Amino acid sequence: METNVERMLHDAVDGVGDFSAPSTTKFRDVGAVIAQALDVDHDDVYVAAVSKPGNLSVRLTQSVRATSARVAVAVLYEDVDVEATLSSASRMVSEGRPPHVLLVCPDEETGQWRVLHAVVPGGSELSVRLRQFGDPEVLSVQGARARPRTPVVMGARTQRMLNSAVKTAQFVVLIGPPGTGKSTLVSTILDKMRDSPAELGLAGSHEALWGTPDESWTTRQLVGGESIGGEGQIVFKPGVFLRAVESDRSLVLDELNRADMDRVLGPLLTFLGGHDVSLGLSGPSEGTRELWLIHGSESYSEMRDREVDGVRRREYVVGTDFRIIGTYNGLDAHQVYRLGSALGRRFRQIPIAPVDVPTFSRLLDTPLSHVQASEQEDVRDTLTALYDHHLRAFGETISPASFLEIPLMTGASRDGVVSLRLTEAYVASVGGWLTRQDPELRDEMGRDIVSAGVLTEEDWNWAIQQIRFLA
């Protein structure tokens, strides 16, 4: 029998459209479904389209984002040779790049998009969770090299704010620049909701459904709306919010302001204000019912059908343990929408600032494992100094995650002097962000970097020359 996860995965892949179209967001929903099912961070899943076996290693290592993923997903199309692709995936996993590979292809019998094959390192804890995808064929690679993960670091006051907000409010949003670990921090609070719910004032263990809004979202994607059923009939299709309520899960909206949430929320805006709301009518083919969104008095959420004064109703009842947790990036103004004041008042807002310099230096412990032991001290000193200069020059706009990715690329090659490889990794990881900063501040920072001996004048000038091509 097809599982709910399988249906969600098929819908997400089927909704992509043109697999070959250049886009950095077309597979976001696919990644969100897989991250939720495997209980890993959304940033730990990377999805790419693959049309032939020889392209697998290219597609899954084409960026720092790809090479740092814990789970790489290849969507195979155009009748790609699955066995040859599986062989290539096995070689990659044996080298730890990436640690896990999932192959998503159309089922020969049903045509449904499914995870048909998975390649994992021996003893991987994800093997059991893969059963949610309908028991794909799992190939376990013994002796595969595991990739260490960067730990989550959060200041005591931020931790207290976040815990208190989740304990006392149903709607919470983490606000900060890209790369400050907002999605990872959400995962840590979800772990606590599942494993230690009493610490957050919850009655019982709780899971969450992840959604990733984008500019195409309407009320239909979030709440629900009329749709065409498989036989051409009009049906009501629940959105991600109602699916979370029906399955007694909370909801995570990652980077929620990539959609115009003031427009998308529709009746939810009234509900977030504490009122029960009508969602209209279900489709006639289902037996017309009034649809209602109700604030419940019990801890659990549910969907129930009943009659009220002779009127058939389908009620989505939101329990007291239900939470919406969102992440918000207010700095990428050219890519995101602003939250309106009415919506902002309904969320407890938690600021997530870039980590300070000593914390950043400690965070380097894990990514530095990719660098030769003899070079680790130099790389740590240089990166810590670079981060310090950027933090002082640009403040809250800085992305710590981009700097933490630099050791991966620095250690990927042993050709050339380490300072040259580090500068190249700096351009690839931070250059795109640096093009969007004030040129005068950037040049002043560059003079300070060279004056302090962090980079040579030759290396800095080369970096700036290369970065201009990324603008």
Protein backbone atom coordinates (compact mmCIF):
# COMPACT_ATOMS: atom_id res chain seq x y z
CA MET A 1 0.00 0.00 0.00
CA GLU A 2 1.28 3.43 -0.91
CA THR A 3 2.41 5.46 2.10
CA ASN A 4 1.63 9.11 2.73
CA VAL A 5 5.31 9.95 2.27
CA GLU A 6 5.30 8.22 -1.13
CA ARG A 7 2.30 10.28 -2.24
CA MET A 8 3.89 13.50 -1.06
CA LEU A 9 7.16 12.64 -2.83
CA HIS A 10 5.39 11.87 -6.12
CA ASP A 11 3.41 15.11 -5.95
CA ALA A 12 6.56 17.12 -5.22
CA VAL A 13 8.58 15.58 -8.08
CA ASP A 14 5.64 15.67 -10.48
CA GLY A 15 5.19 19.37 -9.74
CA VAL A 16 8.73 20.28 -10.84
CA GLY A 17 7.92 20.43 -14.54
CA ASP A 18 11.03 20.87 -16.69
CA PHE A 19 13.85 19.00 -14.95
CA SER A 20 16.49 20.56 -17.19
CA ALA A 21 15.41 24.17 -16.58
CA PRO A 22 18.04 26.24 -14.72
CA SER A 23 16.70 26.94 -11.24
CA THR A 24 18.02 26.77 -7.68
CA THR A 25 14.60 26.29 -6.09
CA LYS A 26 12.67 23.85 -8.30
CA PHE A 27 13.50 20.84 -6.07
CA ARG A 28 12.89 22.58 -2.74
CA ASP A 29 9.63 20.74 -2.06
CA VAL A 30 11.24 17.40 -2.98
CA GLY A 31 14.05 18.07 -0.53
CA ALA A 32 11.57 19.12 2.16
CA VAL A 33 9.60 15.85 1.85
CA ILE A 34 12.75 13.73 2.06
CA ALA A 35 14.24 15.73 4.95
CA GLN A 36 11.02 15.37 6.91
CA ALA A 37 10.76 11.63 6.27
CA LEU A 38 14.39 10.97 7.22
CA ASP A 39 14.27 13.38 10.18
CA VAL A 40 17.32 15.33 9.01
CA ASP A 41 17.90 19.04 8.57
CA HIS A 42 16.53 20.50 5.35
CA ASP A 43 20.00 21.86 4.57
CA ASP A 44 21.35 18.30 4.78
CA VAL A 45 19.42 17.22 1.66
CA TYR A 46 20.53 18.18 -1.85
CA VAL A 47 18.44 17.29 -4.92
CA ALA A 48 19.54 17.32 -8.56
CA ALA A 49 18.25 16.00 -11.87
CA VAL A 50 20.39 13.38 -13.64
CA SER A 51 19.88 12.31 -17.25
CA LYS A 52 22.80 9.89 -17.63
CA PRO A 53 25.06 7.88 -15.28
CA GLY A 54 28.18 9.87 -16.08
CA ASN A 55 26.52 13.05 -14.83
CA LEU A 56 25.84 11.76 -11.33
CA SER A 57 29.15 12.72 -9.75
CA VAL A 58 29.05 16.11 -11.49
CA ARG A 59 25.51 16.95 -10.38
CA LEU A 60 26.07 15.83 -6.79
CA THR A 61 29.38 17.68 -6.34
CA GLN A 62 28.76 20.82 -8.40
CA SER A 63 28.70 23.24 -5.46
CA VAL A 64 29.72 23.57 -1.84
CA ARG A 65 26.04 23.19 -0.99
CA ALA A 66 26.04 19.84 -2.81
CA THR A 67 29.26 18.51 -1.33
CA SER A 68 28.24 19.42 2.23
CA ALA A 69 24.89 17.58 2.03
CA ARG A 70 24.34 14.52 4.16
CA VAL A 71 21.80 13.04 1.73
CA ALA A 72 22.08 13.54 -2.04
CA VAL A 73 19.00 12.80 -4.14
CA ALA A 74 19.27 12.10 -7.86
CA VAL A 75 16.02 12.42 -9.81
CA LEU A 76 16.57 10.19 -12.85
CA TYR A 77 14.80 11.07 -16.09
CA GLU A 78 15.03 10.45 -19.85
CA ASP A 79 15.33 6.64 -19.40
CA VAL A 80 18.68 6.86 -17.65
CA ASP A 81 20.52 3.57 -17.04
CA VAL A 82 19.58 2.93 -13.40
CA GLU A 83 22.07 0.11 -12.79
CA ALA A 84 25.01 2.14 -14.09
CA THR A 85 23.89 5.12 -12.01
CA LEU A 86 23.60 2.88 -8.95
CA SER A 87 27.16 1.68 -9.49
CA SER A 88 28.39 5.28 -9.69
CA ALA A 89 26.47 6.14 -6.51
CA SER A 90 28.12 3.23 -4.70
CA ARG A 91 31.58 4.51 -5.58
CA MET A 92 30.70 7.98 -4.33
CA VAL A 93 29.30 6.74 -1.02
CA SER A 94 32.37 4.53 -0.48
CA GLU A 95 34.41 7.74 -0.58
CA GLY A 96 32.01 9.60 1.72
CA ARG A 97 30.97 12.09 -0.94
CA PRO A 98 28.11 12.23 -0.19
CA PRO A 99 27.40 9.87 2.71
CA HIS A 100 23.97 8.80 1.37
CA VAL A 101 22.52 8.74 -2.18
CA LEU A 102 18.85 8.20 -3.06
CA LEU A 103 17.76 7.47 -6.62
CA VAL A 104 14.26 8.71 -7.45
CA CYS A 105 12.75 7.29 -10.65
CA PRO A 106 9.33 6.47 -12.12
CA ASP A 107 7.97 3.08 -11.03
CA GLU A 108 7.73 0.84 -14.12
CA GLU A 109 4.26 -0.41 -13.16
CA THR A 110 2.54 2.67 -11.76
CA GLY A 111 4.53 5.52 -13.24
CA GLN A 112 4.71 7.08 -9.77
CA TRP A 113 7.91 8.87 -8.78
CA ARG A 114 9.52 6.80 -6.01
CA VAL A 115 12.78 6.25 -4.15
CA LEU A 116 13.63 2.92 -5.81
CA HIS A 117 17.25 2.65 -4.69
CA ALA A 118 19.30 3.97 -1.81
CA VAL A 119 23.03 3.70 -1.16
CA VAL A 120 24.09 4.17 2.46
CA PRO A 121 27.21 3.58 4.56
CA GLY A 122 27.23 0.44 6.70
CA GLY A 123 25.38 0.92 9.98
CA SER A 124 23.62 4.11 8.87
CA GLU A 125 20.75 5.08 11.17
CA LEU A 126 18.80 6.28 8.11
CA SER A 127 18.35 2.74 6.76
CA VAL A 128 15.25 2.10 8.89
CA ARG A 129 13.69 5.47 8.04
CA LEU A 130 13.95 4.71 4.33
CA ARG A 131 11.07 2.24 4.74
CA GLN A 132 8.70 5.20 4.64
CA PHE A 133 9.44 5.36 0.91
CA GLY A 134 7.92 1.92 0.32
CA ASP A 135 10.93 -0.27 1.12
CA PRO A 136 13.35 0.77 -1.64
CA GLU A 137 16.29 -1.46 -2.46
CA VAL A 138 18.98 -0.38 0.02
CA LEU A 139 22.64 -1.03 -0.78
CA SER A 140 24.86 -0.80 2.30
CA VAL A 141 28.47 0.12 1.58
CA GLN A 142 30.80 -1.24 4.25
CA GLY A 143 33.84 0.83 5.18
CA ALA A 144 32.43 4.05 3.74
CA ARG A 145 34.01 7.15 5.18
CA ALA A 146 31.59 9.18 7.29
CA ARG A 147 31.54 12.98 7.10
CA PRO A 148 31.65 14.71 10.47
CA ARG A 149 28.97 17.30 11.08
CA THR A 150 29.26 20.82 12.44
CA PRO A 151 27.56 21.08 15.85
CA VAL A 152 24.79 23.56 16.57
CA VAL A 153 25.86 26.49 18.75
CA MET A 154 23.35 28.86 20.31
CA GLY A 155 23.92 31.45 23.03
CA ALA A 156 22.26 30.82 26.39
CA ARG A 157 19.94 33.80 26.05
CA THR A 158 18.88 32.85 22.52
CA GLN A 159 18.27 29.28 23.70
CA ARG A 160 16.14 30.56 26.58
CA MET A 161 14.18 32.90 24.30
CA LEU A 162 13.48 30.12 21.82
CA ASN A 163 12.45 27.58 24.46
CA SER A 164 10.22 30.10 26.23
CA ALA A 165 8.59 31.18 22.96
CA VAL A 166 7.75 27.61 21.95
CA LYS A 167 6.51 26.91 25.48
CA THR A 168 4.14 29.88 25.61
CA ALA A 169 3.10 30.56 21.99
CA GLN A 170 1.80 28.43 19.14
CA PHE A 171 3.41 30.56 16.41
CA VAL A 172 7.15 31.30 16.48
CA VAL A 173 9.54 32.63 13.83
CA LEU A 174 13.36 32.72 13.85
CA ILE A 175 14.69 35.84 12.12
CA GLY A 176 18.25 36.32 10.93
CA PRO A 177 20.54 36.55 7.89
CA PRO A 178 21.28 33.53 5.68
CA GLY A 179 23.76 31.01 7.04
CA THR A 180 23.21 31.68 10.75
CA GLY A 181 21.79 28.19 11.33
CA LYS A 182 18.07 29.02 11.64
CA SER A 183 16.91 25.77 10.01
CA THR A 184 19.35 23.76 12.10
CA LEU A 185 18.10 25.46 15.27
CA VAL A 186 14.55 24.57 14.26
CA SER A 187 15.65 20.93 14.01
CA THR A 188 17.07 21.07 17.54
CA ILE A 189 13.79 22.41 18.94
CA LEU A 190 11.90 19.71 17.03
CA ASP A 191 14.16 17.08 18.59
CA LYS A 192 13.20 18.46 22.00
CA MET A 193 9.49 18.45 21.07
CA ARG A 194 9.85 14.77 20.21
CA ASP A 195 12.23 13.58 22.94
CA SER A 196 11.65 15.98 25.88
CA PRO A 197 8.24 17.58 25.29
CA ALA A 198 7.63 18.39 28.96
CA GLU A 199 10.56 20.84 28.90
CA LEU A 200 8.57 22.87 26.35
CA GLY A 201 5.26 22.58 28.18
CA LEU A 202 3.87 20.02 25.72
CA ALA A 203 1.64 17.17 26.81
CA GLY A 204 3.28 14.56 24.61
CA SER A 205 5.90 13.74 22.00
CA HIS A 206 5.35 15.64 18.79
CA GLU A 207 6.59 15.42 15.20
CA ALA A 208 6.48 18.15 12.55
CA LEU A 209 5.79 18.48 8.84
CA TRP A 210 8.16 20.72 6.86
CA GLY A 211 6.98 23.07 4.15
CA THR A 212 9.12 25.37 2.01
CA PRO A 213 7.13 28.30 0.63
CA ASP A 214 8.14 30.10 -2.55
CA GLU A 215 6.80 32.88 -4.74
CA SER A 216 4.35 30.51 -6.49
CA TRP A 217 2.48 29.67 -3.28
CA THR A 218 -1.16 30.65 -2.86
CA THR A 219 -3.69 29.86 -0.14
CA ARG A 220 -4.24 26.53 -1.91
CA GLN A 221 -0.70 25.32 -1.15
CA LEU A 222 -0.79 26.41 2.49
CA VAL A 223 -4.39 25.87 3.59
CA GLY A 224 -6.09 24.05 0.73
CA GLY A 225 -8.60 24.59 -2.04
CA GLU A 226 -10.56 23.08 -4.89
CA SER A 227 -8.68 20.78 -7.21
CA ILE A 228 -9.40 18.31 -10.00
CA GLY A 229 -9.51 14.69 -8.82
CA GLY A 230 -8.19 11.67 -10.72
CA GLU A 231 -11.52 11.15 -12.52
CA GLY A 232 -12.09 14.81 -13.34
CA GLN A 233 -14.28 15.54 -10.32
CA ILE A 234 -13.98 18.66 -8.14
CA VAL A 235 -12.41 17.82 -4.77
CA PHE A 236 -11.05 19.80 -1.85
CA LYS A 237 -7.31 19.21 -1.55
CA PRO A 238 -5.83 20.07 1.87
CA GLY A 239 -2.70 22.21 1.91
CA VAL A 240 0.35 21.63 4.04
CA PHE A 241 -1.22 23.29 7.11
CA LEU A 242 -4.31 21.09 7.10
CA ARG A 243 -2.23 17.97 6.38
CA ALA A 244 -0.16 18.73 9.47
CA VAL A 245 -3.30 19.15 11.59
CA GLU A 246 -4.88 15.97 10.22
CA SER A 247 -1.77 13.92 11.04
CA ASP A 248 -1.36 15.54 14.51
CA ARG A 249 1.95 17.16 13.62
CA SER A 250 3.26 20.67 13.97
CA LEU A 251 4.31 22.69 10.91
CA VAL A 252 7.66 24.18 9.96
CA LEU A 253 7.68 26.89 7.29
CA ASP A 254 11.32 27.22 6.26
CA GLU A 255 12.14 30.64 4.78
CA LEU A 256 8.47 31.50 4.96
CA ASN A 257 8.88 34.97 3.50
CA ARG A 258 9.93 33.63 0.10
CA ALA A 259 6.17 33.61 -0.41
CA ASP A 260 3.85 36.57 0.05
CA MET A 261 2.49 35.19 3.31
CA ASP A 262 0.12 38.12 3.90
CA ARG A 263 -1.65 37.03 0.71
CA VAL A 264 -1.11 33.27 1.08
CA LEU A 265 -2.47 32.97 4.63
CA GLY A 266 -6.03 33.88 3.68
CA PRO A 267 -8.35 32.60 6.45
CA LEU A 268 -5.35 31.50 8.52
CA LEU A 269 -4.66 35.13 9.45
CA THR A 270 -7.96 35.21 11.32
CA PHE A 271 -7.26 31.81 12.86
CA LEU A 272 -3.83 32.92 14.08
CA GLY A 273 -5.65 35.75 15.83
CA GLY A 274 -7.50 33.22 18.00
CA HIS A 275 -10.77 32.74 16.07
CA ASP A 276 -12.35 29.64 14.50
CA VAL A 277 -12.83 30.14 10.75
CA SER A 278 -14.84 28.66 7.93
CA LEU A 279 -12.86 27.35 4.96
CA GLY A 280 -15.84 27.03 2.61
CA LEU A 281 -17.26 23.79 1.22
CA SER A 282 -15.75 20.48 0.20
CA GLY A 283 -16.23 19.27 -3.38
CA PRO A 284 -19.65 17.82 -4.34
CA SER A 285 -18.12 14.46 -5.29
CA GLU A 286 -17.08 13.96 -1.65
CA GLY A 287 -20.53 14.80 -0.29
CA THR A 288 -20.68 18.51 0.34
CA ARG A 289 -19.53 19.49 3.83
CA GLU A 290 -18.73 22.74 5.53
CA LEU A 291 -15.03 22.93 6.27
CA TRP A 292 -13.94 24.51 9.54
CA LEU A 293 -10.68 25.27 11.27
CA ILE A 294 -11.19 24.99 15.03
CA HIS A 295 -9.12 25.81 18.10
CA GLY A 296 -9.21 22.63 20.18
CA SER A 297 -9.00 22.22 23.94
CA GLU A 298 -7.07 18.92 23.88
CA SER A 299 -3.33 18.63 23.30
CA TYR A 300 -3.68 16.62 20.08
CA SER A 301 -4.83 17.77 16.64
CA GLU A 302 -7.26 15.86 14.45
CA MET A 303 -9.70 15.94 11.55
CA ARG A 304 -13.27 14.89 12.41
CA ASP A 305 -16.55 14.65 10.54
CA ARG A 306 -19.76 15.44 12.39
CA GLU A 307 -23.15 17.14 12.09
CA VAL A 308 -23.98 20.47 13.70
CA ASP A 309 -27.64 21.52 13.60
CA GLY A 310 -28.23 19.12 10.73
CA VAL A 311 -25.30 20.47 8.70
CA ARG A 312 -22.49 18.10 7.79
CA ARG A 313 -19.11 19.50 8.81
CA ARG A 314 -15.51 18.48 8.45
CA GLU A 315 -13.52 20.09 11.22
CA TYR A 316 -9.75 20.44 11.39
CA VAL A 317 -9.16 20.76 15.12
CA VAL A 318 -5.85 22.34 16.15
CA GLY A 319 -4.64 21.02 19.51
CA THR A 320 -2.83 23.01 22.18
CA ASP A 321 0.47 21.21 21.39
CA PHE A 322 0.36 22.33 17.76
CA ARG A 323 3.07 24.78 16.73
CA ILE A 324 3.97 26.70 13.59
CA ILE A 325 7.70 27.41 13.58
CA GLY A 326 9.04 29.56 10.77
CA THR A 327 12.37 30.90 9.62
CA TYR A 328 12.73 34.33 8.06
CA ASN A 329 15.55 36.05 6.21
CA GLY A 330 14.92 39.78 6.15
CA LEU A 331 18.18 40.77 4.45
CA ASP A 332 17.75 39.29 0.95
CA ALA A 333 15.19 41.95 0.07
CA HIS A 334 15.48 41.30 -3.68
CA GLN A 335 14.41 37.68 -3.19
CA VAL A 336 11.88 37.78 -0.35
CA TYR A 337 8.67 39.37 0.81
CA ARG A 338 8.36 41.39 4.00
CA LEU A 339 6.08 40.24 6.77
CA GLY A 340 3.21 42.63 7.30
CA SER A 341 2.58 44.08 10.75
CA ALA A 342 -0.63 42.08 11.25
CA LEU A 343 1.17 38.81 10.58
CA GLY A 344 4.24 39.83 12.56
CA ARG A 345 2.10 40.50 15.67
CA ARG A 346 0.83 36.93 15.59
CA PHE A 347 4.32 35.37 15.78
CA ARG A 348 6.81 35.42 18.63
CA GLN A 349 9.97 36.65 16.91
CA ILE A 350 13.39 35.26 17.88
CA PRO A 351 16.48 37.09 16.53
CA ILE A 352 19.29 34.79 15.35
CA ALA A 353 22.50 36.77 14.96
CA PRO A 354 25.82 35.61 13.44
CA VAL A 355 28.04 33.85 15.98
CA ASP A 356 30.90 35.79 17.58
CA VAL A 357 34.53 35.20 16.59
CA PRO A 358 35.53 32.79 19.43
CA THR A 359 32.44 30.67 18.75
CA PHE A 360 33.18 30.65 15.03
CA SER A 361 36.72 29.42 15.73
CA ARG A 362 35.33 26.54 17.80
CA LEU A 363 32.84 25.69 15.06
CA LEU A 364 35.77 25.15 12.69
CA ASP A 365 36.74 21.96 14.57
CA THR A 366 34.44 19.77 12.47
CA PRO A 367 34.99 21.18 8.94
CA LEU A 368 38.77 21.32 9.53
CA SER A 369 38.79 17.52 9.55
CA HIS A 370 38.72 17.80 5.74
CA VAL A 371 42.10 19.58 5.76
CA GLN A 372 45.48 17.89 6.16
CA ALA A 373 46.59 17.87 9.79
CA SER A 374 49.74 19.84 8.97
CA GLU A 375 47.62 22.65 7.46
CA GLN A 376 44.78 22.82 9.98
CA GLU A 377 46.32 25.41 12.31
CA ASP A 378 47.10 27.82 9.46
CA VAL A 379 43.62 27.38 7.96
CA ARG A 380 41.96 27.96 11.34
CA ASP A 381 43.97 31.12 12.03
CA THR A 382 43.36 32.54 8.56
CA LEU A 383 39.63 31.77 8.49
CA THR A 384 39.08 33.08 12.01
CA ALA A 385 40.82 36.34 11.07
CA LEU A 386 38.86 36.60 7.81
CA TYR A 387 35.58 36.04 9.65
CA ASP A 388 36.56 38.68 12.22
CA HIS A 389 37.27 41.28 9.51
CA HIS A 390 34.02 40.53 7.67
CA LEU A 391 31.98 40.63 10.88
CA ARG A 392 33.41 44.02 11.83
CA ALA A 393 32.89 45.40 8.33
CA PHE A 394 29.40 44.08 7.56
CA GLY A 395 27.89 43.14 10.92
CA GLU A 396 24.60 41.24 10.92
CA THR A 397 24.58 40.61 7.16
CA ILE A 398 27.40 38.05 7.38
CA SER A 399 26.78 34.33 6.76
CA PRO A 400 28.86 32.12 9.10
CA ALA A 401 27.82 28.99 7.19
CA SER A 402 29.57 30.23 4.04
CA PHE A 403 32.86 30.57 5.94
CA LEU A 404 32.41 27.15 7.54
CA GLU A 405 32.22 25.61 4.06
CA ILE A 406 35.65 26.94 3.06
CA PRO A 407 37.67 24.09 4.66
CA LEU A 408 35.78 21.48 2.61
CA MET A 409 36.99 22.96 -0.68
CA THR A 410 40.41 23.86 0.71
CA GLY A 411 41.02 20.24 1.65
CA ALA A 412 39.51 18.77 -1.52
CA SER A 413 42.83 19.23 -3.36
CA ARG A 414 46.41 18.92 -2.22
CA ASP A 415 47.86 20.67 -5.24
CA GLY A 416 49.45 24.05 -4.58
CA VAL A 417 50.13 26.09 -1.47
CA VAL A 418 47.35 26.00 1.14
CA SER A 419 46.96 29.81 1.11
CA LEU A 420 46.15 29.69 -2.61
CA ARG A 421 43.59 26.90 -2.16
CA LEU A 422 42.00 28.72 0.75
CA THR A 423 41.70 31.94 -1.28
CA GLU A 424 40.07 30.00 -4.11
CA ALA A 425 37.62 28.41 -1.65
CA TYR A 426 36.91 31.85 -0.18
CA VAL A 427 35.95 33.19 -3.63
CA ALA A 428 33.69 30.18 -4.33
CA SER A 429 32.00 30.25 -0.91
CA VAL A 430 31.76 33.93 -0.02
CA GLY A 431 32.30 35.75 -3.32
CA GLY A 432 28.67 35.87 -4.43
CA TRP A 433 27.60 37.41 -1.13
CA LEU A 434 30.52 39.86 -1.21
CA THR A 435 29.40 41.27 -4.59
CA ARG A 436 26.22 42.52 -2.92
CA GLN A 437 28.05 44.50 -0.23
CA ASP A 438 29.09 48.15 -0.33
CA PRO A 439 32.22 48.39 -2.56
CA GLU A 440 33.82 51.07 -0.39
CA LEU A 441 33.40 48.99 2.77
CA ARG A 442 34.69 45.95 0.89
CA ASP A 443 37.81 47.77 -0.32
CA GLU A 444 38.48 49.22 3.13
CA MET A 445 38.15 45.75 4.65
CA GLY A 446 40.52 44.38 2.01
CA ARG A 447 43.19 46.90 2.95
CA ASP A 448 42.83 45.89 6.60
CA ILE A 449 43.07 42.18 5.70
CA VAL A 450 46.27 42.73 3.74
CA SER A 451 47.72 45.09 6.37
CA ALA A 452 47.11 42.48 9.09
CA GLY A 453 48.83 39.79 7.00
CA VAL A 454 45.71 37.60 6.80
CA LEU A 455 46.04 37.38 2.99
CA THR A 456 48.80 38.68 0.78
CA GLU A 457 48.06 41.68 -1.41
CA GLU A 458 48.46 39.44 -4.45
CA ASP A 459 45.89 36.91 -3.14
CA TRP A 460 43.39 39.62 -2.17
CA ASN A 461 43.64 41.40 -5.53
CA TRP A 462 43.19 38.07 -7.32
CA ALA A 463 40.13 37.31 -5.20
CA ILE A 464 38.53 40.69 -5.95
CA GLN A 465 39.26 40.31 -9.65
CA GLN A 466 37.49 36.93 -9.67
CA ILE A 467 34.58 38.11 -7.54
CA ARG A 468 33.69 40.82 -10.08
CA PHE A 469 32.64 38.06 -12.49
CA LEU A 470 30.06 36.83 -9.95
CA ALA A 471 28.18 40.13 -9.81
